[in-house]
Amino acid sequence: MGVEIIDMVQLAHQEKRRKVIFNTPRCHAWVHYYPNPGEKDDMHCHNADQTFYVIDGECTMHFPDGGKAVMKPGMVATITGGSFYQLENSGDGPMIMMGNRSGPSEAIQHINYELRKDIKKLSKEELERANIPHVAMQTRD
């Protein structure tokens, strides 16, 4: 189908996890769902440009230099590939965001800041030893 309409809030609450909603050779998109306040992923970057649009809740983006930016519904972050960041649910309920990235999802690397390795290529045992947050592990799906 050339056009599909998706209720992102309904999908997020139904799936309760990261869910790819669109994937072509030129672009892919997904819904991010962080159910619990304080939940965060690892400090990381990707090998492609991307955007995050906050739909519900609050997201704090942390950066390696100690800086941070708070995003509320209606706000968007544009991220150049290779730029490190960490996402945190800093609200008082679930955080729902839509992400878009250039290229197909299969071609995307998830480079952990501390390891400087693509966690998509690490075993579950290696991820646990490195203490990679559960939310970051969802990118392996």
Protein backbone atom coordinates (compact mmCIF):
# COMPACT_ATOMS: atom_id res chain seq x y z
CA MET A 1 0.00 0.00 0.00
CA GLY A 2 1.36 3.43 -0.93
CA VAL A 3 -0.21 5.29 2.00
CA GLU A 4 -0.91 4.06 5.52
CA ILE A 5 -2.40 6.08 8.39
CA ILE A 6 -1.18 5.10 11.87
CA ASP A 7 -2.35 6.23 15.30
CA MET A 8 1.10 6.40 16.92
CA VAL A 9 -0.18 6.83 20.49
CA GLN A 10 -2.50 3.84 20.19
CA LEU A 11 0.25 1.73 18.58
CA ALA A 12 2.77 2.67 21.27
CA HIS A 13 0.43 1.76 24.12
CA GLN A 14 -0.52 -1.48 22.36
CA GLU A 15 3.04 -2.62 21.53
CA LYS A 16 4.76 -1.15 24.63
CA ARG A 17 8.15 -1.28 22.87
CA ARG A 18 10.08 0.14 19.92
CA LYS A 19 8.22 -0.78 16.73
CA VAL A 20 9.33 -0.18 13.13
CA ILE A 21 6.37 1.16 11.14
CA PHE A 22 8.00 1.86 7.75
CA ASN A 23 11.12 0.43 6.13
CA THR A 24 12.27 1.06 2.55
CA PRO A 25 15.71 1.24 0.90
CA ARG A 26 15.67 5.05 1.31
CA CYS A 27 14.10 5.58 4.76
CA HIS A 28 12.69 3.91 7.84
CA ALA A 29 10.51 5.10 10.72
CA TRP A 30 9.52 3.74 14.10
CA VAL A 31 7.68 4.55 17.30
CA HIS A 32 9.75 4.76 20.50
CA TYR A 33 7.97 3.83 23.73
CA TYR A 34 9.68 4.28 27.10
CA PRO A 35 6.99 3.38 29.66
CA ASN A 36 8.75 4.32 32.88
CA PRO A 37 10.05 7.68 34.09
CA GLY A 38 13.85 7.52 34.38
CA GLU A 39 14.17 4.80 31.73
CA LYS A 40 17.01 5.52 29.31
CA ASP A 41 19.13 3.96 26.63
CA ASP A 42 22.91 4.00 26.26
CA MET A 43 25.01 6.91 24.99
CA HIS A 44 25.32 6.07 21.29
CA CYS A 45 25.25 7.24 17.69
CA HIS A 46 24.14 5.88 14.34
CA ASN A 47 25.65 5.89 10.88
CA ALA A 48 22.74 7.82 9.34
CA ASP A 49 20.94 11.14 9.79
CA GLN A 50 17.72 11.03 11.80
CA THR A 51 14.93 12.95 13.51
CA PHE A 52 12.95 12.39 16.71
CA TYR A 53 9.51 13.93 17.19
CA VAL A 54 8.04 13.88 20.71
CA ILE A 55 4.38 12.86 20.64
CA ASP A 56 3.67 12.36 24.34
CA GLY A 57 5.60 12.71 27.59
CA GLU A 58 9.01 14.30 27.97
CA CYS A 59 12.42 13.31 26.63
CA THR A 60 15.75 14.57 27.87
CA MET A 61 18.59 14.11 25.40
CA HIS A 62 22.00 13.85 27.08
CA PHE A 63 25.29 14.50 25.27
CA PRO A 64 28.87 13.29 25.95
CA ASP A 65 30.02 16.77 27.03
CA GLY A 66 27.47 16.77 29.88
CA GLY A 67 25.00 18.97 28.02
CA LYS A 68 21.33 18.14 27.72
CA ALA A 69 18.14 19.26 26.00
CA VAL A 70 14.58 18.73 27.21
CA MET A 71 11.99 17.94 24.55
CA LYS A 72 8.22 18.16 25.07
CA PRO A 73 5.32 17.20 22.76
CA GLY A 74 5.54 19.00 19.44
CA MET A 75 9.34 19.34 19.56
CA VAL A 76 11.74 17.67 17.13
CA ALA A 77 15.44 16.85 17.26
CA THR A 78 17.49 16.64 14.06
CA ILE A 79 20.61 14.51 14.44
CA THR A 80 23.49 14.19 12.00
CA GLY A 81 24.84 10.65 11.68
CA GLY A 82 27.82 10.11 14.00
CA SER A 83 26.51 12.48 16.71
CA PHE A 84 26.37 10.82 20.14
CA TYR A 85 23.31 11.16 22.40
CA GLN A 86 21.30 9.35 25.07
CA LEU A 87 17.49 9.38 25.40
CA GLU A 88 15.81 9.47 28.81
CA ASN A 89 12.15 9.46 29.77
CA SER A 90 12.22 12.53 32.04
CA GLY A 91 8.45 12.94 32.35
CA ASP A 92 6.02 11.51 34.86
CA GLY A 93 4.43 8.91 32.53
CA PRO A 94 5.20 7.07 29.30
CA MET A 95 7.32 8.79 26.64
CA ILE A 96 6.28 8.30 23.01
CA MET A 97 8.36 9.55 20.09
CA MET A 98 8.50 8.95 16.36
CA GLY A 99 11.89 8.44 14.79
CA ASN A 100 12.90 8.64 11.12
CA ARG A 101 16.27 7.70 9.70
CA SER A 102 17.78 7.67 6.23
CA GLY A 103 18.37 4.24 4.73
CA PRO A 104 16.84 0.84 5.55
CA SER A 105 16.82 -0.31 9.19
CA GLU A 106 19.03 -3.31 8.33
CA ALA A 107 21.90 -1.01 7.31
CA ILE A 108 21.92 0.99 10.55
CA GLN A 109 24.66 0.66 13.15
CA HIS A 110 24.16 1.41 16.86
CA ILE A 111 27.59 2.51 18.09
CA ASN A 112 27.91 2.51 21.89
CA TYR A 113 29.91 5.52 23.12
CA GLU A 114 32.05 3.65 25.68
CA LEU A 115 32.70 0.51 23.63
CA ARG A 116 32.91 2.29 20.26
CA LYS A 117 31.32 -0.87 18.82
CA ASP A 118 28.07 -1.65 17.04
CA ILE A 119 25.93 -3.32 19.73
CA LYS A 120 23.84 -4.98 17.01
CA LYS A 121 26.86 -7.22 16.41
CA LEU A 122 27.40 -8.15 20.09
CA SER A 123 25.98 -11.28 21.70
CA LYS A 124 23.43 -10.98 24.50
CA GLU A 125 26.14 -12.12 26.93
CA GLU A 126 28.49 -9.33 25.75
CA LEU A 127 25.67 -6.78 26.12
CA GLU A 128 24.94 -7.93 29.67
CA ARG A 129 28.65 -7.81 30.61
CA ALA A 130 28.87 -4.26 29.22
CA ASN A 131 25.75 -3.33 31.24
CA ILE A 132 23.89 -2.02 28.15
CA PRO A 133 20.36 -0.86 29.15
CA HIS A 134 17.40 -2.99 28.10
CA VAL A 135 15.98 -0.15 25.97
CA ALA A 136 19.16 -0.08 23.86
CA MET A 137 18.92 -3.83 23.30
CA GLN A 138 15.55 -3.30 21.57
CA THR A 139 17.43 -1.80 18.61
CA ARG A 140 18.69 -5.31 17.85
CA ASP A 141 15.14 -6.39 16.87
